[in-house]
PDB file of N, CA and C in Angstrom:
ATOM      1  N   MET A   1      82.039  18.092 143.744  1.00  0.00           N
ATOM      2  CA  MET A   1      82.105  16.671 143.664  1.00  0.00           C
ATOM      3  C   MET A   1      81.973  16.252 142.222  1.00  0.00           C
ATOM      4  N   PHE A   2      82.536  15.083 141.920  1.00  0.00           N
ATOM      5  CA  PHE A   2      82.260  14.469 140.638  1.00  0.00           C
ATOM      6  C   PHE A   2      82.221  12.965 140.807  1.00  0.00           C
ATOM      7  N   GLU A   3      81.694  12.325 139.779  1.00  0.00           N
ATOM      8  CA  GLU A   3      81.586  10.869 139.796  1.00  0.00           C
ATOM      9  C   GLU A   3      82.353  10.295 138.626  1.00  0.00           C
ATOM     10  N   ILE A   4      82.970   9.154 138.870  1.00  0.00           N
ATOM     11  CA  ILE A   4      83.627   8.387 137.820  1.00  0.00           C
ATOM     12  C   ILE A   4      82.863   7.082 137.678  1.00  0.00           C
ATOM     13  N   TYR A   5      82.500   6.775 136.458  1.00  0.00           N
ATOM     14  CA  TYR A   5      81.789   5.534 136.146  1.00  0.00           C
ATOM     15  C   TYR A   5      82.736   4.625 135.382  1.00  0.00           C
ATOM     16  N   TYR A   6      82.746   3.345 135.733  1.00  0.00           N
ATOM     17  CA  TYR A   6      83.466   2.392 134.900  1.00  0.00           C
ATOM     18  C   TYR A   6      82.724   1.061 134.909  1.00  0.00           C
ATOM     19  N   GLN A   7      82.929   0.318 133.833  1.00  0.00           N
ATOM     20  CA  GLN A   7      82.215  -0.937 133.644  1.00  0.00           C
ATOM     21  C   GLN A   7      82.787  -2.040 134.521  1.00  0.00           C
ATOM     22  N   ARG A   8      81.915  -2.938 134.919  1.00  0.00           N
ATOM     23  CA  ARG A   8      82.332  -4.102 135.690  1.00  0.00           C
ATOM     24  C   ARG A   8      83.215  -4.989 134.829  1.00  0.00           C
ATOM     25  N   PRO A   9      83.964  -5.822 135.414  1.00  0.00           N
ATOM     26  CA  PRO A   9      84.014  -6.177 136.829  1.00  0.00           C
ATOM     27  C   PRO A   9      84.768  -5.128 137.651  1.00  0.00           C
ATOM     28  N   ALA A  10      84.535  -5.166 138.947  1.00  0.00           N
ATOM     29  CA  ALA A  10      85.237  -4.265 139.856  1.00  0.00           C
ATOM     30  C   ALA A  10      86.738  -4.496 139.741  1.00  0.00           C
ATOM     31  N   ASP A  11      87.492  -3.411 139.843  1.00  0.00           N
ATOM     32  CA  ASP A  11      88.947  -3.476 139.699  1.00  0.00           C
ATOM     33  C   ASP A  11      89.586  -2.642 140.811  1.00  0.00           C
ATOM     34  N   PRO A  12      89.909  -3.281 141.949  1.00  0.00           N
ATOM     35  CA  PRO A  12      90.475  -2.534 143.079  1.00  0.00           C
ATOM     36  C   PRO A  12      91.744  -1.757 142.738  1.00  0.00           C
ATOM     37  N   SER A  13      92.589  -2.296 141.868  1.00  0.00           N
ATOM     38  CA  SER A  13      93.818  -1.574 141.532  1.00  0.00           C
ATOM     39  C   SER A  13      93.504  -0.319 140.718  1.00  0.00           C
ATOM     40  N   LYS A  14      92.508  -0.386 139.842  1.00  0.00           N
ATOM     41  CA  LYS A  14      92.083   0.805 139.092  1.00  0.00           C
ATOM     42  C   LYS A  14      91.528   1.854 140.050  1.00  0.00           C
ATOM     43  N   GLU A  15      90.714   1.419 141.000  1.00  0.00           N
ATOM     44  CA  GLU A  15      90.123   2.353 141.958  1.00  0.00           C
ATOM     45  C   GLU A  15      91.194   3.017 142.814  1.00  0.00           C
ATOM     46  N   THR A  16      92.197   2.262 143.213  1.00  0.00           N
ATOM     47  CA  THR A  16      93.300   2.833 143.987  1.00  0.00           C
ATOM     48  C   THR A  16      94.058   3.866 143.157  1.00  0.00           C
ATOM     49  N   ALA A  17      94.326   3.550 141.896  1.00  0.00           N
ATOM     50  CA  ALA A  17      95.037   4.487 141.024  1.00  0.00           C
ATOM     51  C   ALA A  17      94.220   5.760 140.801  1.00  0.00           C
ATOM     52  N   LEU A  18      92.914   5.623 140.588  1.00  0.00           N
ATOM     53  CA  LEU A  18      92.062   6.798 140.416  1.00  0.00           C
ATOM     54  C   LEU A  18      92.050   7.654 141.674  1.00  0.00           C
ATOM     55  N   THR A  19      91.914   7.014 142.819  1.00  0.00           N
ATOM     56  CA  THR A  19      91.868   7.740 144.087  1.00  0.00           C
ATOM     57  C   THR A  19      93.179   8.466 144.343  1.00  0.00           C
ATOM     58  N   THR A  20      94.289   7.858 143.986  1.00  0.00           N
ATOM     59  CA  THR A  20      95.599   8.504 144.136  1.00  0.00           C
ATOM     60  C   THR A  20      95.688   9.736 143.247  1.00  0.00           C
ATOM     61  N   ARG A  21      95.228   9.621 142.001  1.00  0.00           N
ATOM     62  CA  ARG A  21      95.250  10.776 141.087  1.00  0.00           C
ATOM     63  C   ARG A  21      94.374  11.903 141.617  1.00  0.00           C
ATOM     64  N   VAL A  22      93.182  11.553 142.066  1.00  0.00           N
ATOM     65  CA  VAL A  22      92.246  12.563 142.575  1.00  0.00           C
ATOM     66  C   VAL A  22      92.809  13.224 143.834  1.00  0.00           C
ATOM     67  N   ALA A  23      93.434  12.447 144.695  1.00  0.00           N
ATOM     68  CA  ALA A  23      94.001  12.994 145.938  1.00  0.00           C
ATOM     69  C   ALA A  23      95.075  14.037 145.652  1.00  0.00           C
ATOM     70  N   ALA A  24      95.784  13.894 144.539  1.00  0.00           N
ATOM     71  CA  ALA A  24      96.809  14.871 144.177  1.00  0.00           C
ATOM     72  C   ALA A  24      96.212  16.256 143.940  1.00  0.00           C
ATOM     73  N   PHE A  25      94.898  16.313 143.686  1.00  0.00           N
ATOM     74  CA  PHE A  25      94.192  17.579 143.479  1.00  0.00           C
ATOM     75  C   PHE A  25      93.349  17.965 144.692  1.00  0.00           C
ATOM     76  N   GLY A  26      93.526  17.259 145.791  1.00  0.00           N
ATOM     77  CA  GLY A  26      92.805  17.581 147.019  1.00  0.00           C
ATOM     78  C   GLY A  26      91.464  16.883 147.155  1.00  0.00           C
ATOM     79  N   GLY A  27      91.179  15.926 146.285  1.00  0.00           N
ATOM     80  CA  GLY A  27      89.910  15.205 146.355  1.00  0.00           C
ATOM     81  C   GLY A  27      90.015  13.979 147.242  1.00  0.00           C
ATOM     82  N   ARG A  28      88.852  13.499 147.662  1.00  0.00           N
ATOM     83  CA  ARG A  28      88.812  12.300 148.497  1.00  0.00           C
ATOM     84  C   ARG A  28      87.597  11.467 148.100  1.00  0.00           C
ATOM     85  N   LEU A  29      87.767  10.167 148.150  1.00  0.00           N
ATOM     86  CA  LEU A  29      86.671   9.258 147.843  1.00  0.00           C
ATOM     87  C   LEU A  29      85.617   9.390 148.924  1.00  0.00           C
ATOM     88  N   ASP A  30      84.392   9.697 148.517  1.00  0.00           N
ATOM     89  CA  ASP A  30      83.299   9.882 149.463  1.00  0.00           C
ATOM     90  C   ASP A  30      82.345   8.695 149.462  1.00  0.00           C
ATOM     91  N   TYR A  31      82.141   8.102 148.300  1.00  0.00           N
ATOM     92  CA  TYR A  31      81.176   7.011 148.214  1.00  0.00           C
ATOM     93  C   TYR A  31      81.512   6.119 147.028  1.00  0.00           C
ATOM     94  N   ARG A  32      81.319   4.833 147.225  1.00  0.00           N
ATOM     95  CA  ARG A  32      81.503   3.847 146.152  1.00  0.00           C
ATOM     96  C   ARG A  32      80.209   3.070 146.018  1.00  0.00           C
ATOM     97  N   GLU A  33      79.632   3.122 144.817  1.00  0.00           N
ATOM     98  CA  GLU A  33      78.396   2.395 144.554  1.00  0.00           C
ATOM     99  C   GLU A  33      78.737   1.142 143.760  1.00  0.00           C
ATOM    100  N   ASP A  34      78.334  -0.003 144.293  1.00  0.00           N
ATOM    101  CA  ASP A  34      78.601  -1.273 143.626  1.00  0.00           C
ATOM    102  C   ASP A  34      77.832  -1.380 142.321  1.00  0.00           C
ATOM    103  N   GLU A  35      78.329  -2.231 141.471  1.00  0.00           N
ATOM    104  CA  GLU A  35      77.661  -2.495 140.200  1.00  0.00           C
ATOM    105  C   GLU A  35      76.294  -3.133 140.438  1.00  0.00           C
ATOM    106  N   THR A  36      75.414  -2.931 139.474  1.00  0.00           N
ATOM    107  CA  THR A  36      74.113  -3.589 139.474  1.00  0.00           C
ATOM    108  C   THR A  36      73.962  -4.307 138.141  1.00  0.00           C
ATOM    109  N   ASP A  37      72.793  -4.862 137.902  1.00  0.00           N
ATOM    110  CA  ASP A  37      72.541  -5.497 136.605  1.00  0.00           C
ATOM    111  C   ASP A  37      72.566  -4.482 135.465  1.00  0.00           C
ATOM    112  N   HIS A  38      72.378  -3.193 135.789  1.00  0.00           N
ATOM    113  CA  HIS A  38      72.245  -2.168 134.757  1.00  0.00           C
ATOM    114  C   HIS A  38      73.341  -1.112 134.766  1.00  0.00           C
ATOM    115  N   THR A  39      74.170  -1.094 135.785  1.00  0.00           N
ATOM    116  CA  THR A  39      75.213  -0.075 135.857  1.00  0.00           C
ATOM    117  C   THR A  39      76.544  -0.703 136.231  1.00  0.00           C
ATOM    118  N   GLY A  40      77.587   0.048 135.968  1.00  0.00           N
ATOM    119  CA  GLY A  40      78.910  -0.345 136.421  1.00  0.00           C
ATOM    120  C   GLY A  40      79.154   0.214 137.814  1.00  0.00           C
ATOM    121  N   ILE A  41      80.405   0.423 138.135  1.00  0.00           N
ATOM    122  CA  ILE A  41      80.809   0.949 139.437  1.00  0.00           C
ATOM    123  C   ILE A  41      80.821   2.473 139.349  1.00  0.00           C
ATOM    124  N   ILE A  42      80.375   3.137 140.426  1.00  0.00           N
ATOM    125  CA  ILE A  42      80.372   4.596 140.482  1.00  0.00           C
ATOM    126  C   ILE A  42      81.180   5.015 141.702  1.00  0.00           C
ATOM    127  N   LEU A  43      82.176   5.858 141.466  1.00  0.00           N
ATOM    128  CA  LEU A  43      83.014   6.401 142.531  1.00  0.00           C
ATOM    129  C   LEU A  43      82.720   7.891 142.642  1.00  0.00           C
ATOM    130  N   THR A  44      82.358   8.352 143.829  1.00  0.00           N
ATOM    131  CA  THR A  44      82.051   9.762 144.057  1.00  0.00           C
ATOM    132  C   THR A  44      83.189  10.386 144.855  1.00  0.00           C
ATOM    133  N   TYR A  45      83.739  11.468 144.316  1.00  0.00           N
ATOM    134  CA  TYR A  45      84.846  12.170 144.954  1.00  0.00           C
ATOM    135  C   TYR A  45      84.417  13.569 145.363  1.00  0.00           C
ATOM    136  N   GLU A  46      84.831  13.976 146.549  1.00  0.00           N
ATOM    137  CA  GLU A  46      84.543  15.297 147.109  1.00  0.00           C
ATOM    138  C   GLU A  46      85.786  16.173 147.052  1.00  0.00           C
ATOM    139  N   PHE A  47      85.560  17.468 146.885  1.00  0.00           N
ATOM    140  CA  PHE A  47      86.621  18.469 146.866  1.00  0.00           C
ATOM    141  C   PHE A  47      86.190  19.667 147.693  1.00  0.00           C
ATOM    142  N   ASP A  48      87.144  20.340 148.301  1.00  0.00           N
ATOM    143  CA  ASP A  48      86.865  21.602 148.973  1.00  0.00           C
ATOM    144  C   ASP A  48      87.007  22.770 148.005  1.00  0.00           C
ATOM    145  N   ASP A  49      87.685  22.545 146.895  1.00  0.00           N
ATOM    146  CA  ASP A  49      87.983  23.602 145.929  1.00  0.00           C
ATOM    147  C   ASP A  49      87.488  23.169 144.545  1.00  0.00           C
ATOM    148  N   ARG A  50      86.510  23.903 144.016  1.00  0.00           N
ATOM    149  CA  ARG A  50      85.929  23.548 142.711  1.00  0.00           C
ATOM    150  C   ARG A  50      86.969  23.616 141.576  1.00  0.00           C
ATOM    151  N   ALA A  51      87.881  24.570 141.652  1.00  0.00           N
ATOM    152  CA  ALA A  51      88.906  24.690 140.610  1.00  0.00           C
ATOM    153  C   ALA A  51      89.758  23.425 140.548  1.00  0.00           C
ATOM    154  N   ASN A  52      90.109  22.879 141.702  1.00  0.00           N
ATOM    155  CA  ASN A  52      90.889  21.637 141.708  1.00  0.00           C
ATOM    156  C   ASN A  52      90.057  20.466 141.200  1.00  0.00           C
ATOM    157  N   ALA A  53      88.769  20.465 141.494  1.00  0.00           N
ATOM    158  CA  ALA A  53      87.890  19.418 140.966  1.00  0.00           C
ATOM    159  C   ALA A  53      87.865  19.471 139.444  1.00  0.00           C
ATOM    160  N   MET A  54      87.813  20.673 138.886  1.00  0.00           N
ATOM    161  CA  MET A  54      87.823  20.837 137.426  1.00  0.00           C
ATOM    162  C   MET A  54      89.130  20.319 136.829  1.00  0.00           C
ATOM    163  N   LYS A  55      90.240  20.643 137.471  1.00  0.00           N
ATOM    164  CA  LYS A  55      91.543  20.192 136.981  1.00  0.00           C
ATOM    165  C   LYS A  55      91.625  18.661 137.004  1.00  0.00           C
ATOM    166  N   ALA A  56      91.181  18.062 138.094  1.00  0.00           N
ATOM    167  CA  ALA A  56      91.219  16.603 138.203  1.00  0.00           C
ATOM    168  C   ALA A  56      90.313  15.964 137.158  1.00  0.00           C
ATOM    169  N   ALA A  57      89.105  16.505 136.990  1.00  0.00           N
ATOM    170  CA  ALA A  57      88.177  15.963 136.005  1.00  0.00           C
ATOM    171  C   ALA A  57      88.752  16.070 134.597  1.00  0.00           C
ATOM    172  N   ASP A  58      89.362  17.204 134.276  1.00  0.00           N
ATOM    173  CA  ASP A  58      89.974  17.381 132.953  1.00  0.00           C
ATOM    174  C   ASP A  58      91.066  16.347 132.711  1.00  0.00           C
ATOM    175  N   LEU A  59      91.917  16.145 133.707  1.00  0.00           N
ATOM    176  CA  LEU A  59      92.986  15.156 133.566  1.00  0.00           C
ATOM    177  C   LEU A  59      92.411  13.759 133.331  1.00  0.00           C
ATOM    178  N   LEU A  60      91.411  13.397 134.116  1.00  0.00           N
ATOM    179  CA  LEU A  60      90.828  12.067 133.990  1.00  0.00           C
ATOM    180  C   LEU A  60      90.116  11.886 132.656  1.00  0.00           C
ATOM    181  N   HIS A  61      89.469  12.937 132.144  1.00  0.00           N
ATOM    182  CA  HIS A  61      88.872  12.883 130.804  1.00  0.00           C
ATOM    183  C   HIS A  61      89.949  12.614 129.759  1.00  0.00           C
ATOM    184  N   GLN A  62      91.083  13.279 129.900  1.00  0.00           N
ATOM    185  CA  GLN A  62      92.169  13.143 128.931  1.00  0.00           C
ATOM    186  C   GLN A  62      92.707  11.722 128.853  1.00  0.00           C
ATOM    187  N   VAL A  63      92.621  10.990 129.959  1.00  0.00           N
ATOM    188  CA  VAL A  63      93.117   9.604 129.949  1.00  0.00           C
ATOM    189  C   VAL A  63      91.985   8.607 129.715  1.00  0.00           C
ATOM    190  N   GLY A  64      90.796   9.121 129.335  1.00  0.00           N
ATOM    191  CA  GLY A  64      89.721   8.250 128.901  1.00  0.00           C
ATOM    192  C   GLY A  64      88.708   7.820 129.940  1.00  0.00           C
ATOM    193  N   GLU A  65      88.745   8.427 131.127  1.00  0.00           N
ATOM    194  CA  GLU A  65      87.771   8.054 132.161  1.00  0.00           C
ATOM    195  C   GLU A  65      86.438   8.748 131.905  1.00  0.00           C
ATOM    196  N   HIS A  66      85.366   8.099 132.307  1.00  0.00           N
ATOM    197  CA  HIS A  66      84.012   8.655 132.191  1.00  0.00           C
ATOM    198  C   HIS A  66      83.714   9.418 133.484  1.00  0.00           C
ATOM    199  N   VAL A  67      83.834  10.748 133.404  1.00  0.00           N
ATOM    200  CA  VAL A  67      83.649  11.606 134.576  1.00  0.00           C
ATOM    201  C   VAL A  67      82.388  12.446 134.381  1.00  0.00           C
ATOM    202  N   VAL A  68      81.540  12.480 135.401  1.00  0.00           N
ATOM    203  CA  VAL A  68      80.351  13.328 135.393  1.00  0.00           C
ATOM    204  C   VAL A  68      80.562  14.405 136.458  1.00  0.00           C
ATOM    205  N   GLY A  69      80.583  15.646 136.016  1.00  0.00           N
ATOM    206  CA  GLY A  69      80.818  16.761 136.920  1.00  0.00           C
ATOM    207  C   GLY A  69      82.122  17.427 136.571  1.00  0.00           C
ATOM    208  N   PRO A  70      82.574  18.307 137.423  1.00  0.00           N
ATOM    209  CA  PRO A  70      82.158  18.594 138.781  1.00  0.00           C
ATOM    210  C   PRO A  70      80.773  19.251 138.824  1.00  0.00           C
ATOM    211  N   MET A  71      80.148  19.049 139.986  1.00  0.00           N
ATOM    212  CA  MET A  71      78.850  19.640 140.238  1.00  0.00           C
ATOM    213  C   MET A  71      78.695  19.851 141.732  1.00  0.00           C
ATOM    214  N   ASP A  72      77.767  20.727 142.058  1.00  0.00           N
ATOM    215  CA  ASP A  72      77.426  20.943 143.451  1.00  0.00           C
ATOM    216  C   ASP A  72      76.238  20.054 143.798  1.00  0.00           C
ATOM    217  N   TYR A  73      76.141  19.669 145.056  1.00  0.00           N
ATOM    218  CA  TYR A  73      74.967  18.927 145.490  1.00  0.00           C
ATOM    219  C   TYR A  73      73.750  19.831 145.399  1.00  0.00           C
ATOM    220  N   ALA A  74      72.617  19.263 145.043  1.00  0.00           N
ATOM    221  CA  ALA A  74      71.369  20.046 144.983  1.00  0.00           C
ATOM    222  C   ALA A  74      70.991  20.490 146.395  1.00  0.00           C
ATOM    223  N   ALA A  75      70.465  21.678 146.483  1.00  0.00           N
ATOM    224  CA  ALA A  75      70.083  22.229 147.789  1.00  0.00           C
ATOM    225  C   ALA A  75      68.761  21.651 148.260  1.00  0.00           C
TER     226      ALA A  75
END
């Protein structure tokens, strides 16, 4: 899984475009955290294949997105 952070305001068209890009690598949107007074929007994407998660994260980094991960959930 990895998370994408972006600053408010919420942008549904940006989120759709990100989700489409991630889906091309086999990822799926798992959770969307709304903005708060201290954070922007956080989108969490799940993958069945870590290699594809790495590829998607690399691509998104290259286009300037703030991506944290990929990482495994803590046990």
